[in-house]
Each structure stands twice: as C-alpha cells, then as structure tokens.
C-alpha atoms as a PDB file:
ATOM      1  CA  MET A   1       6.835 -15.552 -11.532  1.00  0.00           C
ATOM      2  CA  GLY A   2       3.413 -13.933 -11.472  1.00  0.00           C
ATOM      3  CA  LYS A   3       1.673 -10.740 -10.400  1.00  0.00           C
ATOM      4  CA  VAL A   4      -0.894 -10.286  -7.659  1.00  0.00           C
ATOM      5  CA  ALA A   5      -2.814  -7.027  -7.390  1.00  0.00           C
ATOM      6  CA  LEU A   6      -5.249  -5.332  -5.047  1.00  0.00           C
ATOM      7  CA  GLU A   7      -6.710  -2.220  -6.654  1.00  0.00           C
ATOM      8  CA  GLY A   8      -8.778   0.622  -5.309  1.00  0.00           C
ATOM      9  CA  ILE A   9      -8.430  -0.165  -1.608  1.00  0.00           C
ATOM     10  CA  GLU A  10     -10.059   2.743   0.214  1.00  0.00           C
ATOM     11  CA  PHE A  11      -9.568   4.004   3.751  1.00  0.00           C
ATOM     12  CA  HIS A  12     -10.454   7.004   5.850  1.00  0.00           C
ATOM     13  CA  ALA A  13      -7.258   7.896   7.689  1.00  0.00           C
ATOM     14  CA  TYR A  14      -5.508  10.783   9.440  1.00  0.00           C
ATOM     15  CA  HIS A  15      -2.232  11.259   7.579  1.00  0.00           C
ATOM     16  CA  GLY A  16      -0.798  14.656   6.738  1.00  0.00           C
ATOM     17  CA  ALA A  17       1.681  17.346   7.618  1.00  0.00           C
ATOM     18  CA  TYR A  18      -0.977  19.819   8.816  1.00  0.00           C
ATOM     19  CA  PRO A  19      -2.777  19.570  12.178  1.00  0.00           C
ATOM     20  CA  GLU A  20      -6.253  19.719  10.618  1.00  0.00           C
ATOM     21  CA  GLU A  21      -5.454  16.633   8.513  1.00  0.00           C
ATOM     22  CA  ASN A  22      -4.675  14.707  11.688  1.00  0.00           C
ATOM     23  CA  VAL A  23      -8.037  15.696  13.184  1.00  0.00           C
ATOM     24  CA  LEU A  24     -10.448  15.612  10.233  1.00  0.00           C
ATOM     25  CA  GLY A  25      -8.774  12.865   8.265  1.00  0.00           C
ATOM     26  CA  ASN A  26      -9.183  12.209   4.573  1.00  0.00           C
ATOM     27  CA  ARG A  27      -9.983   9.495   2.074  1.00  0.00           C
ATOM     28  CA  PHE A  28      -7.059   7.511   0.679  1.00  0.00           C
ATOM     29  CA  THR A  29      -6.913   5.016  -2.160  1.00  0.00           C
ATOM     30  CA  LEU A  30      -4.164   2.434  -2.523  1.00  0.00           C
ATOM     31  CA  ASP A  31      -3.260   0.193  -5.457  1.00  0.00           C
ATOM     32  CA  LEU A  32      -0.811  -2.643  -4.840  1.00  0.00           C
ATOM     33  CA  GLU A  33       0.905  -4.948  -7.279  1.00  0.00           C
ATOM     34  CA  LEU A  34       3.487  -7.511  -6.315  1.00  0.00           C
ATOM     35  CA  GLU A  35       5.506 -10.116  -8.155  1.00  0.00           C
ATOM     36  CA  THR A  36       6.065 -13.504  -6.599  1.00  0.00           C
ATOM     37  CA  ASP A  37       6.490 -17.128  -7.527  1.00  0.00           C
ATOM     38  CA  PHE A  38       3.047 -18.696  -7.280  1.00  0.00           C
ATOM     39  CA  LYS A  39       3.567 -21.662  -9.582  1.00  0.00           C
ATOM     40  CA  ASP A  40       2.826 -24.159  -6.777  1.00  0.00           C
ATOM     41  CA  ALA A  41      -0.430 -22.344  -5.995  1.00  0.00           C
ATOM     42  CA  MET A  42      -1.448 -22.564  -9.657  1.00  0.00           C
ATOM     43  CA  LEU A  43      -0.749 -26.284  -9.790  1.00  0.00           C
ATOM     44  CA  GLN A  44      -1.896 -27.375  -6.324  1.00  0.00           C
ATOM     45  CA  ASP A  45      -4.688 -24.923  -5.408  1.00  0.00           C
ATOM     46  CA  ASN A  46      -2.971 -24.288  -2.061  1.00  0.00           C
ATOM     47  CA  LEU A  47      -3.200 -20.866  -0.390  1.00  0.00           C
ATOM     48  CA  LYS A  48       0.027 -21.506   1.539  1.00  0.00           C
ATOM     49  CA  SER A  49       1.872 -21.475  -1.812  1.00  0.00           C
ATOM     50  CA  THR A  50       1.116 -17.818  -2.536  1.00  0.00           C
ATOM     51  CA  VAL A  51       0.384 -14.522  -0.808  1.00  0.00           C
ATOM     52  CA  ASP A  52      -2.876 -14.345   1.105  1.00  0.00           C
ATOM     53  CA  TYR A  53      -4.900 -11.298  -0.028  1.00  0.00           C
ATOM     54  CA  THR A  54      -6.622 -11.154   3.354  1.00  0.00           C
ATOM     55  CA  LYS A  55      -3.280 -10.917   5.193  1.00  0.00           C
ATOM     56  CA  ILE A  56      -2.036  -8.260   2.759  1.00  0.00           C
ATOM     57  CA  TYR A  57      -5.208  -6.209   3.246  1.00  0.00           C
ATOM     58  CA  LYS A  58      -4.912  -6.465   7.039  1.00  0.00           C
ATOM     59  CA  LEU A  59      -1.246  -5.375   6.939  1.00  0.00           C
ATOM     60  CA  ILE A  60      -2.230  -2.314   4.900  1.00  0.00           C
ATOM     61  CA  LYS A  61      -5.250  -1.503   7.082  1.00  0.00           C
ATOM     62  CA  ASP A  62      -3.210  -1.768  10.284  1.00  0.00           C
ATOM     63  CA  ARG A  63      -0.547   0.535   8.830  1.00  0.00           C
ATOM     64  CA  MET A  64      -3.170   3.050   7.634  1.00  0.00           C
ATOM     65  CA  ASP A  65      -4.377   3.320  11.241  1.00  0.00           C
ATOM     66  CA  VAL A  66      -1.005   4.773  12.363  1.00  0.00           C
ATOM     67  CA  LYS A  67      -0.690   8.505  11.589  1.00  0.00           C
ATOM     68  CA  VAL A  68       2.273   9.712   9.522  1.00  0.00           C
ATOM     69  CA  LYS A  69       2.964  13.022   7.806  1.00  0.00           C
ATOM     70  CA  LEU A  70       4.062  11.940   4.329  1.00  0.00           C
ATOM     71  CA  LEU A  71       2.606   9.566   1.749  1.00  0.00           C
ATOM     72  CA  GLU A  72       6.162   8.589   0.793  1.00  0.00           C
ATOM     73  CA  HIS A  73       6.850   7.390   4.335  1.00  0.00           C
ATOM     74  CA  LEU A  74       3.517   5.591   4.557  1.00  0.00           C
ATOM     75  CA  GLY A  75       4.174   3.723   1.314  1.00  0.00           C
ATOM     76  CA  HIS A  76       7.628   2.712   2.545  1.00  0.00           C
ATOM     77  CA  LEU A  77       6.204   1.380   5.816  1.00  0.00           C
ATOM     78  CA  ILE A  78       3.574  -0.673   3.958  1.00  0.00           C
ATOM     79  CA  ILE A  79       6.280  -2.218   1.767  1.00  0.00           C
ATOM     80  CA  GLU A  80       8.376  -3.035   4.835  1.00  0.00           C
ATOM     81  CA  ASP A  81       5.370  -4.665   6.528  1.00  0.00           C
ATOM     82  CA  ILE A  82       4.674  -6.831   3.463  1.00  0.00           C
ATOM     83  CA  LEU A  83       8.311  -7.911   3.168  1.00  0.00           C
ATOM     84  CA  LYS A  84       8.390  -8.985   6.820  1.00  0.00           C
ATOM     85  CA  VAL A  85       5.559 -11.453   6.176  1.00  0.00           C
ATOM     86  CA  TYR A  86       6.457 -12.340   2.566  1.00  0.00           C
ATOM     87  CA  PRO A  87      10.249 -11.986   2.190  1.00  0.00           C
ATOM     88  CA  ASP A  88      10.255 -13.918  -1.101  1.00  0.00           C
ATOM     89  CA  VAL A  89       8.261 -11.230  -2.923  1.00  0.00           C
ATOM     90  CA  LYS A  90      10.486  -9.970  -5.743  1.00  0.00           C
ATOM     91  CA  LYS A  91       8.799  -6.671  -6.604  1.00  0.00           C
ATOM     92  CA  ILE A  92       6.186  -4.405  -5.019  1.00  0.00           C
ATOM     93  CA  THR A  93       4.563  -1.353  -6.560  1.00  0.00           C
ATOM     94  CA  ILE A  94       2.321   0.851  -4.427  1.00  0.00           C
ATOM     95  CA  THR A  95       0.342   3.835  -5.656  1.00  0.00           C
ATOM     96  CA  LEU A  96      -1.087   5.828  -2.760  1.00  0.00           C
ATOM     97  CA  LYS A  97      -3.543   8.698  -3.342  1.00  0.00           C
ATOM     98  CA  LYS A  98      -4.915  11.276  -0.948  1.00  0.00           C
ATOM     99  CA  HIS A  99      -8.298  12.575  -2.136  1.00  0.00           C
ATOM    100  CA  HIS A 100      -8.808  16.353  -2.296  1.00  0.00           C
ATOM    101  CA  PRO A 101      -5.609  17.322  -0.463  1.00  0.00           C
ATOM    102  CA  SER A 102      -5.573  20.605   1.433  1.00  0.00           C
ATOM    103  CA  LEU A 103      -3.556  22.685  -1.052  1.00  0.00           C
ATOM    104  CA  GLY A 104      -5.626  25.858  -1.222  1.00  0.00           C
ATOM    105  CA  GLY A 105      -7.341  24.949  -4.495  1.00  0.00           C
ATOM    106  CA  LEU A 106      -9.283  22.206  -6.209  1.00  0.00           C
ATOM    107  CA  VAL A 107      -7.092  19.121  -6.622  1.00  0.00           C
ATOM    108  CA  LYS A 108      -8.606  15.660  -7.098  1.00  0.00           C
ATOM    109  CA  PHE A 109      -5.613  13.690  -5.741  1.00  0.00           C
ATOM    110  CA  SER A 110      -2.094  13.961  -4.527  1.00  0.00           C
ATOM    111  CA  ALA A 111      -0.269  10.691  -5.141  1.00  0.00           C
ATOM    112  CA  VAL A 112       2.998   8.828  -4.817  1.00  0.00           C
ATOM    113  CA  GLN A 113       4.150   5.640  -6.450  1.00  0.00           C
ATOM    114  CA  ILE A 114       6.863   3.587  -4.777  1.00  0.00           C
ATOM    115  CA  GLN A 115       8.533   0.537  -6.258  1.00  0.00           C
ATOM    116  CA  TYR A 116      10.564  -2.065  -4.448  1.00  0.00           C
ATOM    117  CA  PRO A 117      13.408  -2.787  -5.110  1.00  0.00           C
ATOM    118  CA  GLU A 118      13.901   0.058  -7.644  1.00  0.00           C
ATOM    119  CA  ASP A 119      13.360   2.950  -5.240  1.00  0.00           C
ATOM    120  CA  TYR A 120      15.509   1.232  -2.588  1.00  0.00           C
ATOM    121  CA  ALA A 121      18.697   1.090  -4.676  1.00  0.00           C
END
C-alpha cells in the first residue's frame, strides 16, 4: 500500500451559497492524498498499475466546473468521481479551501477536510 498526493491544485470556480459567489467566483485550492496498492507500478514501471495523476486532475477539474453551494458537498462529489474510476483506492483525503470567503471580515481561507472511508461510516 502506498500514498499518492496532488497538492496545491488551484482553480477559479463559482461555488457558494450566495448569489454573488456564483457570479464573481473565487479561488479554490485542493490537496488530495489517496492510498492504493501500487506495488506493480513500482516493480514494472507501468502506469496502468497505479492511478494516473492526469486522470485524477481532470476528474477534479471537471467537478470544479459544476457549481455547488457547499464545500462539503463538492468534496464528496470529487471522492465519488475518483472511486468510480479507481474503485480499489482504499483511502482518500481531500482538503478543499476557498480563498477570502465572503464572511464580512478578513479571512484567508474557509476549508473542509473529508476522508474516505472514515467520514462515510
């Protein structure tokens, strides 16, 4: 079992509970870590024996393009998308940050962290 991570993925997207967030958009940062068996990839240098970072990135980007209100829901949908393509992944941790959320004061980030399977029990 090993870990694969993509850190600091940035997007401009239109998620939020308030109408202005859906129009103006915001910057989001996502960190992803997943645990999977990539022993064959280590030994055989074969991309088909592990997760493809390019496919993972595209799954996340495609999901970020679909507006939702809550970061919690967005994180859940990203996890579901990954599991559809890579059902053998044992654990996924996503940290999703919205930069300078509209809270009426200076806040650097609002963030959620979701872990599969822990948060799905």
